Amino acid sequence: VIGLFAGGIFGLESDGGAGMLFGAVILAAIGGWIGRLADAVVA
């Protein structure tokens, strides 16, 4: 969720609508991946 919002804001500031969507998708995927690693480390 943090990656989704951060990517959306970053993409909106740099490129507009398409950049917002692209940035949100990419950073949400990266954030989810990092979160799964954090879950594994905590476990």
All heavy atoms as atom14 arrays in JSON, in Angstrom:
{
  "sequence": "VIGLFAGGIFGLESDGGAGMLFGAVILAAIGGWIGRLADAVVA",
  "atom14_mask": [
    [1, 1, 1, 1, 1, 1, 1, 0, 0, 0, 0, 0, 0, 0],
    [1, 1, 1, 1, 1, 1, 1, 1, 0, 0, 0, 0, 0, 0],
    [1, 1, 1, 1, 0, 0, 0, 0, 0, 0, 0, 0, 0, 0],
    [1, 1, 1, 1, 1, 1, 1, 1, 0, 0, 0, 0, 0, 0],
    [1, 1, 1, 1, 1, 1, 1, 1, 1, 1, 1, 0, 0, 0],
    [1, 1, 1, 1, 1, 0, 0, 0, 0, 0, 0, 0, 0, 0],
    [1, 1, 1, 1, 0, 0, 0, 0, 0, 0, 0, 0, 0, 0],
    [1, 1, 1, 1, 0, 0, 0, 0, 0, 0, 0, 0, 0, 0],
    [1, 1, 1, 1, 1, 1, 1, 1, 0, 0, 0, 0, 0, 0],
    [1, 1, 1, 1, 1, 1, 1, 1, 1, 1, 1, 0, 0, 0],
    [1, 1, 1, 1, 0, 0, 0, 0, 0, 0, 0, 0, 0, 0],
    [1, 1, 1, 1, 1, 1, 1, 1, 0, 0, 0, 0, 0, 0],
    [1, 1, 1, 1, 1, 1, 1, 1, 1, 0, 0, 0, 0, 0],
    [1, 1, 1, 1, 1, 1, 0, 0, 0, 0, 0, 0, 0, 0],
    [1, 1, 1, 1, 1, 1, 1, 1, 0, 0, 0, 0, 0, 0],
    [1, 1, 1, 1, 0, 0, 0, 0, 0, 0, 0, 0, 0, 0],
    [1, 1, 1, 1, 0, 0, 0, 0, 0, 0, 0, 0, 0, 0],
    [1, 1, 1, 1, 1, 0, 0, 0, 0, 0, 0, 0, 0, 0],
    [1, 1, 1, 1, 0, 0, 0, 0, 0, 0, 0, 0, 0, 0],
    [1, 1, 1, 1, 1, 1, 1, 1, 0, 0, 0, 0, 0, 0],
    [1, 1, 1, 1, 1, 1, 1, 1, 0, 0, 0, 0, 0, 0],
    [1, 1, 1, 1, 1, 1, 1, 1, 1, 1, 1, 0, 0, 0],
    [1, 1, 1, 1, 0, 0, 0, 0, 0, 0, 0, 0, 0, 0],
    [1, 1, 1, 1, 1, 0, 0, 0, 0, 0, 0, 0, 0, 0],
    [1, 1, 1, 1, 1, 1, 1, 0, 0, 0, 0, 0, 0, 0],
    [1, 1, 1, 1, 1, 1, 1, 1, 0, 0, 0, 0, 0, 0],
    [1, 1, 1, 1, 1, 1, 1, 1, 0, 0, 0, 0, 0, 0],
    [1, 1, 1, 1, 1, 0, 0, 0, 0, 0, 0, 0, 0, 0],
    [1, 1, 1, 1, 1, 0, 0, 0, 0, 0, 0, 0, 0, 0],
    [1, 1, 1, 1, 1, 1, 1, 1, 0, 0, 0, 0, 0, 0],
    [1, 1, 1, 1, 0, 0, 0, 0, 0, 0, 0, 0, 0, 0],
    [1, 1, 1, 1, 0, 0, 0, 0, 0, 0, 0, 0, 0, 0],
    [1, 1, 1, 1, 1, 1, 1, 1, 1, 1, 1, 1, 1, 1],
    [1, 1, 1, 1, 1, 1, 1, 1, 0, 0, 0, 0, 0, 0],
    [1, 1, 1, 1, 0, 0, 0, 0, 0, 0, 0, 0, 0, 0],
    [1, 1, 1, 1, 1, 1, 1, 1, 1, 1, 1, 0, 0, 0],
    [1, 1, 1, 1, 1, 1, 1, 1, 0, 0, 0, 0, 0, 0],
    [1, 1, 1, 1, 1, 0, 0, 0, 0, 0, 0, 0, 0, 0],
    [1, 1, 1, 1, 1, 1, 1, 1, 0, 0, 0, 0, 0, 0],
    [1, 1, 1, 1, 1, 0, 0, 0, 0, 0, 0, 0, 0, 0],
    [1, 1, 1, 1, 1, 1, 1, 0, 0, 0, 0, 0, 0, 0],
    [1, 1, 1, 1, 1, 1, 1, 0, 0, 0, 0, 0, 0, 0],
    [1, 1, 1, 1, 1, 0, 0, 0, 0, 0, 0, 0, 0, 0]
  ],
  "atom14_positions": [
    [[0.84, -1.21, 0.0], [0.0, 0.0, 0.0], [0.87, 1.25, 0.0], [0.6, 2.22, -0.73], [-0.96, -0.01, 1.21], [-1.67, 1.32, 1.37], [-1.99, -1.13, 1.04], [0.0, 0.0, 0.0], [0.0, 0.0, 0.0], [0.0, 0.0, 0.0], [0.0, 0.0, 0.0], [0.0, 0.0, 0.0], [0.0, 0.0, 0.0], [0.0, 0.0, 0.0]],
    [[1.93, 1.24, 0.81], [2.85, 2.39, 0.83], [3.48, 2.58, -0.55], [3.57, 3.7, -1.06], [3.93, 2.2, 1.92], [3.29, 2.3, 3.3], [5.04, 3.23, 1.76], [4.22, 1.93, 4.43], [0.0, 0.0, 0.0], [0.0, 0.0, 0.0], [0.0, 0.0, 0.0], [0.0, 0.0, 0.0], [0.0, 0.0, 0.0], [0.0, 0.0, 0.0]],
    [[3.91, 1.48, -1.16], [4.48, 1.56, -2.51], [3.48, 2.05, -3.53], [3.82, 2.79, -4.45], [0.0, 0.0, 0.0], [0.0, 0.0, 0.0], [0.0, 0.0, 0.0], [0.0, 0.0, 0.0], [0.0, 0.0, 0.0], [0.0, 0.0, 0.0], [0.0, 0.0, 0.0], [0.0, 0.0, 0.0], [0.0, 0.0, 0.0], [0.0, 0.0, 0.0]],
    [[2.23, 1.62, -3.39], [1.18, 2.06, -4.31], [1.02, 3.57, -4.27], [1.03, 4.24, -5.31], [-0.13, 1.37, -3.95], [-1.34, 1.74, -4.78], [-1.26, 1.06, -6.13], [-2.61, 1.35, -4.06], [0.0, 0.0, 0.0], [0.0, 0.0, 0.0], [0.0, 0.0, 0.0], [0.0, 0.0, 0.0], [0.0, 0.0, 0.0], [0.0, 0.0, 0.0]],
    [[0.9, 4.13, -3.07], [0.73, 5.57, -2.95], [1.99, 6.34, -3.35], [1.91, 7.36, -4.02], [0.3, 5.95, -1.53], [-1.13, 5.6, -1.24], [-1.45, 4.7, -0.25], [-2.16, 6.16, -1.98], [-2.76, 4.36, 0.02], [-3.48, 5.83, -1.72], [-3.78, 4.93, -0.72], [0.0, 0.0, 0.0], [0.0, 0.0, 0.0], [0.0, 0.0, 0.0]],
    [[3.15, 5.83, -2.92], [4.4, 6.52, -3.27], [4.63, 6.5, -4.78], [5.01, 7.51, -5.38], [5.57, 5.86, -2.56], [0.0, 0.0, 0.0], [0.0, 0.0, 0.0], [0.0, 0.0, 0.0], [0.0, 0.0, 0.0], [0.0, 0.0, 0.0], [0.0, 0.0, 0.0], [0.0, 0.0, 0.0], [0.0, 0.0, 0.0], [0.0, 0.0, 0.0]],
    [[4.37, 5.37, -5.42], [4.53, 5.28, -6.87], [3.54, 6.15, -7.61], [3.86, 6.77, -8.62], [0.0, 0.0, 0.0], [0.0, 0.0, 0.0], [0.0, 0.0, 0.0], [0.0, 0.0, 0.0], [0.0, 0.0, 0.0], [0.0, 0.0, 0.0], [0.0, 0.0, 0.0], [0.0, 0.0, 0.0], [0.0, 0.0, 0.0], [0.0, 0.0, 0.0]],
    [[2.31, 6.21, -7.11], [1.3, 7.07, -7.73], [1.68, 8.53, -7.64], [1.56, 9.28, -8.62], [0.0, 0.0, 0.0], [0.0, 0.0, 0.0], [0.0, 0.0, 0.0], [0.0, 0.0, 0.0], [0.0, 0.0, 0.0], [0.0, 0.0, 0.0], [0.0, 0.0, 0.0], [0.0, 0.0, 0.0], [0.0, 0.0, 0.0], [0.0, 0.0, 0.0]],
    [[2.14, 8.96, -6.46], [2.54, 10.36, -6.3], [3.75, 10.69, -7.16], [3.8, 11.71, -7.84], [2.81, 10.66, -4.81], [1.5, 10.59, -4.03], [3.47, 12.01, -4.63], [1.68, 10.59, -2.53], [0.0, 0.0, 0.0], [0.0, 0.0, 0.0], [0.0, 0.0, 0.0], [0.0, 0.0, 0.0], [0.0, 0.0, 0.0], [0.0, 0.0, 0.0]],
    [[4.73, 9.8, -7.14], [5.94, 10.02, -7.94], [5.61, 10.07, -9.43], [6.08, 10.94, -10.16], [6.95, 8.91, -7.65], [8.21, 9.02, -8.45], [9.15, 9.99, -8.16], [8.45, 8.15, -9.5], [10.31, 10.09, -8.9], [9.61, 8.24, -10.26], [10.54, 9.23, -9.95], [0.0, 0.0, 0.0], [0.0, 0.0, 0.0], [0.0, 0.0, 0.0]],
    [[4.8, 9.14, -9.89], [4.43, 9.11, -11.3], [3.6, 10.31, -11.71], [3.74, 10.83, -12.82], [0.0, 0.0, 0.0], [0.0, 0.0, 0.0], [0.0, 0.0, 0.0], [0.0, 0.0, 0.0], [0.0, 0.0, 0.0], [0.0, 0.0, 0.0], [0.0, 0.0, 0.0], [0.0, 0.0, 0.0], [0.0, 0.0, 0.0], [0.0, 0.0, 0.0]],
    [[2.71, 10.77, -10.84], [1.87, 11.93, -11.15], [2.71, 13.19, -11.27], [2.48, 14.03, -12.14], [0.8, 12.1, -10.07], [-0.24, 13.19, -10.31], [-1.04, 12.86, -11.56], [-1.15, 13.31, -9.12], [0.0, 0.0, 0.0], [0.0, 0.0, 0.0], [0.0, 0.0, 0.0], [0.0, 0.0, 0.0], [0.0, 0.0, 0.0], [0.0, 0.0, 0.0]],
    [[3.71, 13.31, -10.39], [4.56, 14.51, -10.44], [5.48, 14.51, -11.66], [5.85, 15.57, -12.15], [5.41, 14.6, -9.17], [4.61, 14.97, -7.95], [5.47, 15.04, -6.7], [6.67, 14.72, -6.77], [4.92, 15.4, -5.65], [0.0, 0.0, 0.0], [0.0, 0.0, 0.0], [0.0, 0.0, 0.0], [0.0, 0.0, 0.0], [0.0, 0.0, 0.0]],
    [[5.86, 13.34, -12.13], [6.83, 13.32, -13.22], [6.21, 13.2, -14.61], [6.74, 13.75, -15.56], [7.83, 12.18, -13.01], [7.16, 10.93, -13.06], [0.0, 0.0, 0.0], [0.0, 0.0, 0.0], [0.0, 0.0, 0.0], [0.0, 0.0, 0.0], [0.0, 0.0, 0.0], [0.0, 0.0, 0.0], [0.0, 0.0, 0.0], [0.0, 0.0, 0.0]],
    [[5.09, 12.47, -14.75], [4.6, 12.21, -16.11], [3.1, 12.37, -16.28], [2.63, 12.41, -17.4], [5.03, 10.8, -16.51], [4.83, 10.53, -18.0], [4.97, 11.48, -18.78], [4.53, 9.39, -18.35], [0.0, 0.0, 0.0], [0.0, 0.0, 0.0], [0.0, 0.0, 0.0], [0.0, 0.0, 0.0], [0.0, 0.0, 0.0], [0.0, 0.0, 0.0]],
    [[2.34, 12.42, -15.26], [0.9, 12.54, -15.41], [0.2, 11.21, -15.17], [0.65, 10.38, -14.4], [0.0, 0.0, 0.0], [0.0, 0.0, 0.0], [0.0, 0.0, 0.0], [0.0, 0.0, 0.0], [0.0, 0.0, 0.0], [0.0, 0.0, 0.0], [0.0, 0.0, 0.0], [0.0, 0.0, 0.0], [0.0, 0.0, 0.0], [0.0, 0.0, 0.0]],
    [[-0.92, 10.99, -15.87], [-1.78, 9.83, -15.62], [-1.13, 8.49, -15.87], [-1.21, 7.59, -15.04], [0.0, 0.0, 0.0], [0.0, 0.0, 0.0], [0.0, 0.0, 0.0], [0.0, 0.0, 0.0], [0.0, 0.0, 0.0], [0.0, 0.0, 0.0], [0.0, 0.0, 0.0], [0.0, 0.0, 0.0], [0.0, 0.0, 0.0], [0.0, 0.0, 0.0]],
    [[-0.49, 8.31, -17.02], [0.13, 7.03, -17.34], [1.31, 6.76, -16.42], [1.52, 5.64, -15.97], [0.6, 7.01, -18.79], [0.0, 0.0, 0.0], [0.0, 0.0, 0.0], [0.0, 0.0, 0.0], [0.0, 0.0, 0.0], [0.0, 0.0, 0.0], [0.0, 0.0, 0.0], [0.0, 0.0, 0.0], [0.0, 0.0, 0.0], [0.0, 0.0, 0.0]],
    [[2.07, 7.8, -16.12], [3.19, 7.64, -15.19], [2.73, 7.29, -13.79], [3.37, 6.52, -13.08], [0.0, 0.0, 0.0], [0.0, 0.0, 0.0], [0.0, 0.0, 0.0], [0.0, 0.0, 0.0], [0.0, 0.0, 0.0], [0.0, 0.0, 0.0], [0.0, 0.0, 0.0], [0.0, 0.0, 0.0], [0.0, 0.0, 0.0], [0.0, 0.0, 0.0]],
    [[1.58, 7.86, -13.4], [1.02, 7.56, -12.08], [0.66, 6.08, -12.0], [1.01, 5.4, -11.04], [-0.22, 8.41, -11.81], [-0.85, 8.14, -10.45], [-2.31, 9.12, -10.13], [-3.5, 8.31, -11.17], [0.0, 0.0, 0.0], [0.0, 0.0, 0.0], [0.0, 0.0, 0.0], [0.0, 0.0, 0.0], [0.0, 0.0, 0.0], [0.0, 0.0, 0.0]],
    [[-0.01, 5.58, -13.02], [-0.4, 4.17, -13.03], [0.83, 3.26, -13.06], [0.91, 2.3, -12.29], [-1.3, 3.89, -14.24], [-1.8, 2.46, -14.38], [-2.68, 2.1, -13.2], [-2.56, 2.3, -15.67], [0.0, 0.0, 0.0], [0.0, 0.0, 0.0], [0.0, 0.0, 0.0], [0.0, 0.0, 0.0], [0.0, 0.0, 0.0], [0.0, 0.0, 0.0]],
    [[1.77, 3.58, -13.92], [2.98, 2.77, -14.06], [3.8, 2.78, -12.76], [4.24, 1.75, -12.28], [3.83, 3.28, -15.23], [5.02, 2.44, -15.54], [4.87, 1.18, -16.08], [6.3, 2.91, -15.28], [5.97, 0.4, -16.37], [7.41, 2.14, -15.56], [7.25, 0.88, -16.1], [0.0, 0.0, 0.0], [0.0, 0.0, 0.0], [0.0, 0.0, 0.0]],
    [[4.0, 3.96, -12.18], [4.75, 4.07, -10.94], [4.07, 3.36, -9.79], [4.72, 2.7, -8.97], [0.0, 0.0, 0.0], [0.0, 0.0, 0.0], [0.0, 0.0, 0.0], [0.0, 0.0, 0.0], [0.0, 0.0, 0.0], [0.0, 0.0, 0.0], [0.0, 0.0, 0.0], [0.0, 0.0, 0.0], [0.0, 0.0, 0.0], [0.0, 0.0, 0.0]],
    [[2.74, 3.48, -9.72], [2.0, 2.82, -8.64], [2.11, 1.31, -8.73], [2.33, 0.63, -7.72], [0.53, 3.26, -8.68], [0.0, 0.0, 0.0], [0.0, 0.0, 0.0], [0.0, 0.0, 0.0], [0.0, 0.0, 0.0], [0.0, 0.0, 0.0], [0.0, 0.0, 0.0], [0.0, 0.0, 0.0], [0.0, 0.0, 0.0], [0.0, 0.0, 0.0]],
    [[1.99, 0.77, -9.93], [2.06, -0.68, -10.11], [3.45, -1.21, -9.78], [3.61, -2.2, -9.05], [1.64, -1.08, -11.54], [1.97, -2.52, -11.84], [0.16, -0.82, -11.75], [0.0, 0.0, 0.0], [0.0, 0.0, 0.0], [0.0, 0.0, 0.0], [0.0, 0.0, 0.0], [0.0, 0.0, 0.0], [0.0, 0.0, 0.0], [0.0, 0.0, 0.0]],
    [[4.47, -0.52, -10.29], [5.84, -0.98, -10.07], [6.22, -0.9, -8.59], [6.73, -1.86, -8.01], [6.84, -0.14, -10.92], [6.59, -0.37, -12.4], [8.27, -0.46, -10.55], [6.85, -1.79, -12.86], [0.0, 0.0, 0.0], [0.0, 0.0, 0.0], [0.0, 0.0, 0.0], [0.0, 0.0, 0.0], [0.0, 0.0, 0.0], [0.0, 0.0, 0.0]],
    [[5.97, 0.25, -7.95], [6.37, 0.39, -6.55], [5.48, -0.45, -5.61], [5.94, -0.87, -4.55], [6.38, 1.85, -6.13], [7.57, 2.65, -6.66], [7.53, 4.08, -6.14], [8.88, 2.01, -6.29], [0.0, 0.0, 0.0], [0.0, 0.0, 0.0], [0.0, 0.0, 0.0], [0.0, 0.0, 0.0], [0.0, 0.0, 0.0], [0.0, 0.0, 0.0]],
    [[4.24, -0.71, -5.98], [3.41, -1.6, -5.17], [3.96, -3.02, -5.22], [4.01, -3.72, -4.19], [1.97, -1.58, -5.64], [0.0, 0.0, 0.0], [0.0, 0.0, 0.0], [0.0, 0.0, 0.0], [0.0, 0.0, 0.0], [0.0, 0.0, 0.0], [0.0, 0.0, 0.0], [0.0, 0.0, 0.0], [0.0, 0.0, 0.0], [0.0, 0.0, 0.0]],
    [[4.4, -3.46, -6.39], [4.99, -4.8, -6.51], [6.29, -4.89, -5.72], [6.53, -5.87, -5.01], [5.24, -5.14, -7.98], [0.0, 0.0, 0.0], [0.0, 0.0, 0.0], [0.0, 0.0, 0.0], [0.0, 0.0, 0.0], [0.0, 0.0, 0.0], [0.0, 0.0, 0.0], [0.0, 0.0, 0.0], [0.0, 0.0, 0.0], [0.0, 0.0, 0.0]],
    [[7.13, -3.87, -5.82], [8.39, -3.86, -5.07], [8.11, -3.81, -3.57], [8.74, -4.52, -2.78], [9.27, -2.67, -5.52], [9.76, -2.89, -6.94], [10.45, -2.49, -4.58], [10.46, -1.69, -7.55], [0.0, 0.0, 0.0], [0.0, 0.0, 0.0], [0.0, 0.0, 0.0], [0.0, 0.0, 0.0], [0.0, 0.0, 0.0], [0.0, 0.0, 0.0]],
    [[7.15, -2.99, -3.15], [6.79, -2.91, -1.74], [6.25, -4.23, -1.21], [6.57, -4.65, -0.09], [0.0, 0.0, 0.0], [0.0, 0.0, 0.0], [0.0, 0.0, 0.0], [0.0, 0.0, 0.0], [0.0, 0.0, 0.0], [0.0, 0.0, 0.0], [0.0, 0.0, 0.0], [0.0, 0.0, 0.0], [0.0, 0.0, 0.0], [0.0, 0.0, 0.0]],
    [[5.43, -4.91, -2.0], [4.92, -6.22, -1.58], [6.03, -7.24, -1.44], [6.04, -8.05, -0.5], [0.0, 0.0, 0.0], [0.0, 0.0, 0.0], [0.0, 0.0, 0.0], [0.0, 0.0, 0.0], [0.0, 0.0, 0.0], [0.0, 0.0, 0.0], [0.0, 0.0, 0.0], [0.0, 0.0, 0.0], [0.0, 0.0, 0.0], [0.0, 0.0, 0.0]],
    [[6.99, -7.2, -2.37], [8.12, -8.13, -2.32], [8.98, -7.87, -1.08], [9.35, -8.81, -0.38], [8.95, -7.98, -3.59], [10.12, -8.89, -3.67], [10.1, -10.23, -3.9], [11.49, -8.53, -3.49], [11.38, -10.73, -3.89], [12.25, -9.7, -3.64], [12.13, -7.33, -3.23], [13.63, -9.7, -3.51], [13.51, -7.35, -3.12], [14.24, -8.52, -3.26]],
    [[9.27, -6.6, -0.81], [10.04, -6.25, 0.39], [9.26, -6.62, 1.64], [9.83, -7.09, 2.63], [10.42, -4.76, 0.37], [11.44, -4.5, -0.74], [10.96, -4.3, 1.71], [11.74, -3.05, -0.98], [0.0, 0.0, 0.0], [0.0, 0.0, 0.0], [0.0, 0.0, 0.0], [0.0, 0.0, 0.0], [0.0, 0.0, 0.0], [0.0, 0.0, 0.0]],
    [[7.96, -6.43, 1.63], [7.13, -6.81, 2.78], [7.15, -8.3, 3.04], [7.17, -8.74, 4.19], [0.0, 0.0, 0.0], [0.0, 0.0, 0.0], [0.0, 0.0, 0.0], [0.0, 0.0, 0.0], [0.0, 0.0, 0.0], [0.0, 0.0, 0.0], [0.0, 0.0, 0.0], [0.0, 0.0, 0.0], [0.0, 0.0, 0.0], [0.0, 0.0, 0.0]],
    [[7.14, -9.12, 1.98], [7.22, -10.57, 2.16], [8.57, -10.96, 2.76], [8.66, -11.86, 3.6], [6.98, -11.3, 0.85], [5.51, -11.31, 0.45], [5.23, -12.26, -0.69], [5.93, -11.92, -1.91], [5.48, -11.08, -2.83], [4.32, -10.49, -2.66], [6.18, -10.84, -3.92], [0.0, 0.0, 0.0], [0.0, 0.0, 0.0], [0.0, 0.0, 0.0]],
    [[9.64, -10.27, 2.33], [10.95, -10.53, 2.94], [10.94, -10.15, 4.42], [11.49, -10.87, 5.26], [12.04, -9.74, 2.21], [12.41, -10.22, 0.82], [13.45, -9.28, 0.22], [12.94, -11.63, 0.86], [0.0, 0.0, 0.0], [0.0, 0.0, 0.0], [0.0, 0.0, 0.0], [0.0, 0.0, 0.0], [0.0, 0.0, 0.0], [0.0, 0.0, 0.0]],
    [[10.32, -9.01, 4.74], [10.23, -8.58, 6.14], [9.43, -9.58, 6.96], [9.78, -9.88, 8.1], [9.62, -7.19, 6.23], [0.0, 0.0, 0.0], [0.0, 0.0, 0.0], [0.0, 0.0, 0.0], [0.0, 0.0, 0.0], [0.0, 0.0, 0.0], [0.0, 0.0, 0.0], [0.0, 0.0, 0.0], [0.0, 0.0, 0.0], [0.0, 0.0, 0.0]],
    [[8.34, -10.11, 6.38], [7.55, -11.13, 7.08], [8.4, -12.36, 7.37], [8.32, -12.93, 8.47], [6.34, -11.55, 6.24], [5.25, -10.51, 6.23], [5.14, -9.76, 7.22], [4.51, -10.45, 5.23], [0.0, 0.0, 0.0], [0.0, 0.0, 0.0], [0.0, 0.0, 0.0], [0.0, 0.0, 0.0], [0.0, 0.0, 0.0], [0.0, 0.0, 0.0]],
    [[9.2, -12.79, 6.41], [10.05, -13.96, 6.6], [11.09, -13.71, 7.68], [11.34, -14.57, 8.54], [10.73, -14.34, 5.29], [0.0, 0.0, 0.0], [0.0, 0.0, 0.0], [0.0, 0.0, 0.0], [0.0, 0.0, 0.0], [0.0, 0.0, 0.0], [0.0, 0.0, 0.0], [0.0, 0.0, 0.0], [0.0, 0.0, 0.0], [0.0, 0.0, 0.0]],
    [[11.7, -12.52, 7.67], [12.71, -12.2, 8.68], [12.09, -12.16, 10.07], [12.65, -12.7, 11.03], [13.4, -10.86, 8.33], [14.24, -10.35, 9.48], [14.26, -11.02, 7.09], [0.0, 0.0, 0.0], [0.0, 0.0, 0.0], [0.0, 0.0, 0.0], [0.0, 0.0, 0.0], [0.0, 0.0, 0.0], [0.0, 0.0, 0.0], [0.0, 0.0, 0.0]],
    [[10.92, -11.55, 10.19], [10.25, -11.47, 11.49], [9.88, -12.87, 11.97], [10.05, -13.2, 13.15], [9.01, -10.55, 11.41], [8.14, -10.68, 12.64], [9.44, -9.11, 11.22], [0.0, 0.0, 0.0], [0.0, 0.0, 0.0], [0.0, 0.0, 0.0], [0.0, 0.0, 0.0], [0.0, 0.0, 0.0], [0.0, 0.0, 0.0], [0.0, 0.0, 0.0]],
    [[9.39, -13.72, 11.07], [9.04, -15.09, 11.46], [10.27, -15.85, 11.96], [10.2, -16.57, 12.96], [8.4, -15.82, 10.29], [0.0, 0.0, 0.0], [0.0, 0.0, 0.0], [0.0, 0.0, 0.0], [0.0, 0.0, 0.0], [0.0, 0.0, 0.0], [0.0, 0.0, 0.0], [0.0, 0.0, 0.0], [0.0, 0.0, 0.0], [0.0, 0.0, 0.0]]
  ]
}
